[in-house]
C-alpha atoms as a PDB file:
ATOM      1  CA  MET A   1     -48.635 174.233  32.734  1.00  0.00           C
ATOM      2  CA  PRO A   2     -46.927 172.346  35.543  1.00  0.00           C
ATOM      3  CA  SER A   3     -43.555 170.955  34.691  1.00  0.00           C
ATOM      4  CA  THR A   4     -43.068 167.215  35.009  1.00  0.00           C
ATOM      5  CA  PRO A   5     -39.796 165.784  36.144  1.00  0.00           C
ATOM      6  CA  GLU A   6     -37.887 164.174  33.338  1.00  0.00           C
ATOM      7  CA  GLN A   7     -38.149 160.390  33.463  1.00  0.00           C
ATOM      8  CA  PRO A   8     -34.916 158.466  33.102  1.00  0.00           C
ATOM      9  CA  PRO A   9     -34.895 156.117  30.119  1.00  0.00           C
ATOM     10  CA  ARG A  10     -35.931 152.554  30.852  1.00  0.00           C
ATOM     11  CA  PHE A  11     -33.562 149.747  30.032  1.00  0.00           C
ATOM     12  CA  SER A  12     -34.364 146.106  29.602  1.00  0.00           C
ATOM     13  CA  TYR A  13     -32.026 143.784  31.454  1.00  0.00           C
ATOM     14  CA  ARG A  14     -33.750 140.558  30.512  1.00  0.00           C
ATOM     15  CA  LYS A  15     -31.241 139.319  27.958  1.00  0.00           C
ATOM     16  CA  PRO A  16     -28.060 139.779  30.015  1.00  0.00           C
ATOM     17  CA  PHE A  17     -29.715 138.386  33.158  1.00  0.00           C
ATOM     18  CA  GLY A  18     -31.143 135.459  31.216  1.00  0.00           C
ATOM     19  CA  ALA A  19     -27.655 134.566  29.977  1.00  0.00           C
ATOM     20  CA  LEU A  20     -26.253 135.027  33.472  1.00  0.00           C
ATOM     21  CA  LYS A  21     -28.940 132.751  34.888  1.00  0.00           C
ATOM     22  CA  ARG A  22     -28.041 130.019  32.348  1.00  0.00           C
ATOM     23  CA  VAL A  23     -24.331 130.315  33.119  1.00  0.00           C
ATOM     24  CA  SER A  24     -25.001 130.369  36.866  1.00  0.00           C
ATOM     25  CA  GLY A  25     -27.104 127.220  36.579  1.00  0.00           C
ATOM     26  CA  GLN A  26     -24.340 125.450  34.667  1.00  0.00           C
ATOM     27  CA  LEU A  27     -21.751 126.574  37.207  1.00  0.00           C
ATOM     28  CA  LEU A  28     -23.934 125.473  40.111  1.00  0.00           C
ATOM     29  CA  ARG A  29     -24.437 122.015  38.564  1.00  0.00           C
ATOM     30  CA  GLU A  30     -20.669 121.743  38.031  1.00  0.00           C
ATOM     31  CA  LEU A  31     -19.873 122.810  41.586  1.00  0.00           C
ATOM     32  CA  LEU A  32     -22.381 120.342  43.006  1.00  0.00           C
ATOM     33  CA  GLY A  33     -21.034 117.554  40.815  1.00  0.00           C
ATOM     34  CA  ARG A  34     -24.336 116.992  39.051  1.00  0.00           C
ATOM     35  CA  PRO A  35     -24.402 115.800  35.469  1.00  0.00           C
ATOM     36  CA  PRO A  36     -25.073 118.544  32.947  1.00  0.00           C
ATOM     37  CA  GLU A  37     -28.623 119.083  31.769  1.00  0.00           C
ATOM     38  CA  VAL A  38     -29.031 118.279  28.124  1.00  0.00           C
ATOM     39  CA  SER A  39     -31.845 119.952  26.238  1.00  0.00           C
ATOM     40  CA  THR A  40     -33.357 118.411  23.141  1.00  0.00           C
ATOM     41  CA  SER A  41     -31.387 120.833  20.965  1.00  0.00           C
ATOM     42  CA  ASP A  42     -28.149 119.582  22.581  1.00  0.00           C
ATOM     43  CA  SER A  43     -28.899 115.976  21.652  1.00  0.00           C
ATOM     44  CA  VAL A  44     -27.707 116.568  18.071  1.00  0.00           C
ATOM     45  CA  LYS A  45     -24.520 118.357  19.146  1.00  0.00           C
ATOM     46  CA  PRO A  46     -21.327 116.341  19.633  1.00  0.00           C
ATOM     47  CA  HIS A  47     -20.635 115.705  23.323  1.00  0.00           C
ATOM     48  CA  ILE A  48     -16.989 115.963  24.400  1.00  0.00           C
ATOM     49  CA  LEU A  49     -15.039 115.619  27.633  1.00  0.00           C
ATOM     50  CA  ILE A  50     -12.011 117.789  28.408  1.00  0.00           C
ATOM     51  CA  VAL A  51      -9.660 116.504  31.120  1.00  0.00           C
ATOM     52  CA  ASP A  52      -6.937 118.814  32.408  1.00  0.00           C
ATOM     53  CA  ASP A  53      -5.738 119.767  35.878  1.00  0.00           C
ATOM     54  CA  GLU A  54      -5.343 123.438  34.913  1.00  0.00           C
ATOM     55  CA  GLU A  55      -8.576 125.331  35.504  1.00  0.00           C
ATOM     56  CA  SER A  56      -7.745 128.067  32.989  1.00  0.00           C
ATOM     57  CA  ILE A  57      -7.301 125.491  30.226  1.00  0.00           C
ATOM     58  CA  ARG A  58     -10.545 123.699  31.100  1.00  0.00           C
ATOM     59  CA  PHE A  59     -12.411 127.017  31.190  1.00  0.00           C
ATOM     60  CA  SER A  60     -11.057 128.390  27.909  1.00  0.00           C
ATOM     61  CA  MET A  61     -11.472 125.111  26.042  1.00  0.00           C
ATOM     62  CA  LYS A  62     -15.012 124.636  27.350  1.00  0.00           C
ATOM     63  CA  ASP A  63     -15.910 128.158  26.274  1.00  0.00           C
ATOM     64  CA  TYR A  64     -14.340 127.728  22.819  1.00  0.00           C
ATOM     65  CA  PHE A  65     -15.908 124.347  22.091  1.00  0.00           C
ATOM     66  CA  SER A  66     -19.311 125.341  23.495  1.00  0.00           C
ATOM     67  CA  ARG A  67     -19.367 128.329  21.163  1.00  0.00           C
ATOM     68  CA  GLY A  68     -18.373 125.968  18.359  1.00  0.00           C
ATOM     69  CA  GLY A  69     -21.477 123.831  18.752  1.00  0.00           C
ATOM     70  CA  PHE A  70     -20.282 121.151  21.163  1.00  0.00           C
ATOM     71  CA  VAL A  71     -21.773 120.031  24.463  1.00  0.00           C
ATOM     72  CA  VAL A  72     -18.782 120.073  26.814  1.00  0.00           C
ATOM     73  CA  ASP A  73     -18.048 118.507  30.188  1.00  0.00           C
ATOM     74  CA  THR A  74     -14.772 118.958  32.029  1.00  0.00           C
ATOM     75  CA  ALA A  75     -12.851 116.998  34.638  1.00  0.00           C
ATOM     76  CA  ARG A  76      -9.841 118.043  36.691  1.00  0.00           C
ATOM     77  CA  ASP A  77      -8.492 114.631  37.724  1.00  0.00           C
ATOM     78  CA  VAL A  78      -8.517 110.928  36.903  1.00  0.00           C
ATOM     79  CA  ASP A  79     -11.346 110.019  39.305  1.00  0.00           C
ATOM     80  CA  GLU A  80     -13.680 112.716  38.020  1.00  0.00           C
ATOM     81  CA  ALA A  81     -12.883 111.836  34.401  1.00  0.00           C
ATOM     82  CA  GLU A  82     -13.581 108.143  34.946  1.00  0.00           C
ATOM     83  CA  ARG A  83     -16.874 108.919  36.694  1.00  0.00           C
ATOM     84  CA  LEU A  84     -18.008 111.092  33.767  1.00  0.00           C
ATOM     85  CA  ILE A  85     -16.867 108.542  31.162  1.00  0.00           C
ATOM     86  CA  GLU A  86     -18.811 105.846  32.993  1.00  0.00           C
ATOM     87  CA  ILE A  87     -22.108 107.777  32.845  1.00  0.00           C
ATOM     88  CA  GLY A  88     -21.619 109.887  29.701  1.00  0.00           C
ATOM     89  CA  ASP A  89     -21.868 109.182  26.001  1.00  0.00           C
ATOM     90  CA  TYR A  90     -18.999 111.198  24.573  1.00  0.00           C
ATOM     91  CA  SER A  91     -18.005 111.537  20.929  1.00  0.00           C
ATOM     92  CA  ALA A  92     -14.497 112.653  21.881  1.00  0.00           C
ATOM     93  CA  LEU A  93     -12.097 113.069  24.788  1.00  0.00           C
ATOM     94  CA  ILE A  94      -9.373 115.708  25.035  1.00  0.00           C
ATOM     95  CA  GLN A  95      -6.904 114.484  27.651  1.00  0.00           C
ATOM     96  CA  ASP A  96      -3.796 115.948  29.276  1.00  0.00           C
ATOM     97  CA  LEU A  97      -1.098 113.354  29.976  1.00  0.00           C
ATOM     98  CA  ARG A  98       0.359 114.648  33.223  1.00  0.00           C
ATOM     99  CA  MET A  99      -2.091 116.025  35.761  1.00  0.00           C
ATOM    100  CA  GLY A 100      -1.292 117.349  39.210  1.00  0.00           C
ATOM    101  CA  ILE A 101       2.052 116.865  40.876  1.00  0.00           C
ATOM    102  CA  THR A 102       2.569 113.253  39.821  1.00  0.00           C
ATOM    103  CA  GLU A 103       5.779 112.196  38.139  1.00  0.00           C
ATOM    104  CA  GLY A 104       4.189 109.866  35.624  1.00  0.00           C
ATOM    105  CA  PRO A 105       1.678 110.366  32.841  1.00  0.00           C
ATOM    106  CA  ASN A 106      -1.509 109.551  34.817  1.00  0.00           C
ATOM    107  CA  GLY A 107      -3.609 110.651  31.851  1.00  0.00           C
ATOM    108  CA  LEU A 108      -2.828 107.250  30.341  1.00  0.00           C
ATOM    109  CA  GLU A 109      -5.180 105.706  32.922  1.00  0.00           C
ATOM    110  CA  VAL A 110      -8.042 107.816  31.584  1.00  0.00           C
ATOM    111  CA  ILE A 111      -7.203 106.942  27.977  1.00  0.00           C
ATOM    112  CA  ARG A 112      -7.168 103.222  28.787  1.00  0.00           C
ATOM    113  CA  PHE A 113     -10.445 103.498  30.756  1.00  0.00           C
ATOM    114  CA  ALA A 114     -12.160 105.512  27.985  1.00  0.00           C
ATOM    115  CA  ARG A 115     -11.055 103.132  25.231  1.00  0.00           C
ATOM    116  CA  LEU A 116     -12.390 100.118  27.159  1.00  0.00           C
ATOM    117  CA  ARG A 117     -15.758 101.767  27.882  1.00  0.00           C
ATOM    118  CA  HIS A 118     -16.262 103.517  24.531  1.00  0.00           C
ATOM    119  CA  PRO A 119     -14.204 101.894  21.746  1.00  0.00           C
ATOM    120  CA  SER A 120     -15.428 104.329  19.081  1.00  0.00           C
ATOM    121  CA  MET A 121     -14.717 107.515  21.089  1.00  0.00           C
ATOM    122  CA  GLY A 122     -12.126 109.794  19.502  1.00  0.00           C
ATOM    123  CA  ILE A 123      -9.264 110.435  21.943  1.00  0.00           C
ATOM    124  CA  VAL A 124      -6.934 113.412  21.623  1.00  0.00           C
ATOM    125  CA  VAL A 125      -3.935 113.865  23.893  1.00  0.00           C
ATOM    126  CA  LEU A 126      -3.056 117.534  24.425  1.00  0.00           C
ATOM    127  CA  THR A 127       0.034 117.848  26.581  1.00  0.00           C
ATOM    128  CA  ALA A 128       3.051 119.988  27.348  1.00  0.00           C
ATOM    129  CA  HIS A 129       4.974 116.832  28.286  1.00  0.00           C
ATOM    130  CA  GLY A 130       5.261 115.358  24.839  1.00  0.00           C
ATOM    131  CA  SER A 131       8.034 113.022  23.804  1.00  0.00           C
ATOM    132  CA  PRO A 132       8.197 110.252  21.221  1.00  0.00           C
ATOM    133  CA  GLN A 133       8.001 107.701  24.060  1.00  0.00           C
ATOM    134  CA  ALA A 134       4.949 109.416  25.615  1.00  0.00           C
ATOM    135  CA  GLU A 135       3.237 109.595  22.230  1.00  0.00           C
ATOM    136  CA  ASN A 136       3.929 105.932  21.541  1.00  0.00           C
ATOM    137  CA  GLU A 137       2.576 104.894  24.957  1.00  0.00           C
ATOM    138  CA  ALA A 138      -0.531 107.078  24.553  1.00  0.00           C
ATOM    139  CA  ARG A 139      -1.240 105.526  21.147  1.00  0.00           C
ATOM    140  CA  LEU A 140      -0.746 102.022  22.571  1.00  0.00           C
ATOM    141  CA  GLN A 141      -3.354 102.844  25.233  1.00  0.00           C
ATOM    142  CA  GLY A 142      -5.834 104.037  22.591  1.00  0.00           C
ATOM    143  CA  ALA A 143      -5.151 107.697  21.746  1.00  0.00           C
ATOM    144  CA  ASP A 144      -6.043 108.665  18.183  1.00  0.00           C
ATOM    145  CA  ALA A 145      -4.167 111.981  18.056  1.00  0.00           C
ATOM    146  CA  PHE A 146      -1.279 113.488  20.014  1.00  0.00           C
ATOM    147  CA  LEU A 147      -0.881 117.280  20.132  1.00  0.00           C
ATOM    148  CA  ARG A 148       1.662 119.328  22.032  1.00  0.00           C
ATOM    149  CA  LYS A 149       0.766 122.447  24.025  1.00  0.00           C
ATOM    150  CA  PRO A 150       0.500 125.227  23.216  1.00  0.00           C
ATOM    151  CA  GLN A 151      -1.799 124.523  20.301  1.00  0.00           C
ATOM    152  CA  PRO A 152      -4.306 126.907  18.688  1.00  0.00           C
ATOM    153  CA  LEU A 153      -7.803 125.897  19.767  1.00  0.00           C
ATOM    154  CA  SER A 154      -8.933 126.035  16.154  1.00  0.00           C
ATOM    155  CA  GLN A 155      -6.435 123.286  15.328  1.00  0.00           C
ATOM    156  CA  VAL A 156      -7.535 121.180  18.317  1.00  0.00           C
ATOM    157  CA  ALA A 157     -11.155 121.601  17.177  1.00  0.00           C
ATOM    158  CA  GLN A 158     -10.223 120.564  13.634  1.00  0.00           C
ATOM    159  CA  VAL A 159      -8.668 117.341  14.955  1.00  0.00           C
ATOM    160  CA  VAL A 160     -11.660 116.655  17.225  1.00  0.00           C
ATOM    161  CA  ARG A 161     -14.126 117.212  14.379  1.00  0.00           C
ATOM    162  CA  GLY A 162     -12.101 114.905  12.153  1.00  0.00           C
ATOM    163  CA  LEU A 163     -12.180 112.152  14.775  1.00  0.00           C
ATOM    164  CA  ILE A 164     -15.924 112.536  15.263  1.00  0.00           C
ATOM    165  CA  GLU A 165     -16.668 112.511  11.529  1.00  0.00           C
ATOM    166  CA  ALA A 166     -14.344 109.643  10.575  1.00  0.00           C
ATOM    167  CA  PRO A 167     -14.564 106.067  11.797  1.00  0.00           C
ATOM    168  CA  ARG A 168     -11.833 105.310  14.338  1.00  0.00           C
ATOM    169  CA  HIS A 169      -9.883 102.832  12.210  1.00  0.00           C
ATOM    170  CA  HIS A 170      -9.537 105.361   9.347  1.00  0.00           C
ATOM    171  CA  VAL A 171      -8.066 108.207  11.401  1.00  0.00           C
ATOM    172  CA  ALA A 172      -4.572 109.134  10.288  1.00  0.00           C
ATOM    173  CA  SER A 173      -1.771 109.903  12.720  1.00  0.00           C
ATOM    174  CA  GLN A 174      -1.829 113.501  13.949  1.00  0.00           C
ATOM    175  CA  ARG A 175       1.680 114.687  14.769  1.00  0.00           C
ATOM    176  CA  GLN A 176       2.091 118.279  15.794  1.00  0.00           C
END
């Protein structure tokens, strides 16, 4: 009986490549500045915008919130954030106060813009540059919660969920 060469086992790469294809498509849309595609299953998920100049923070927060059932967009500067707020329908905004090399808290511009365009949007300030004066100014511009970095993402998510679930005028002060 002739011997047959042993066949190597076959592996299916469909699942990992399928996930890679989805991630690549999302990355490509982000790089090209196109709005995210929203499937019908995403229409029931809360849609949030994360604005921070640090790429690592945007990446980790987007990953965390996406896994937690949110549809997430990110922006790295004031102009990009305002463009997304203008065209998007967000349930919540997570905003850094000081972005880039500016001296002042330019995140206040985004808060003011978001509050004017979407009065019911929950707005969370997440910043390393927190002071009582900065918190007071952020609240005057329309922020609902003020958190200082570093903050566990689970706690940020708890605040965001609370803002989405509760009407804006009933949200209690969040001091961390």
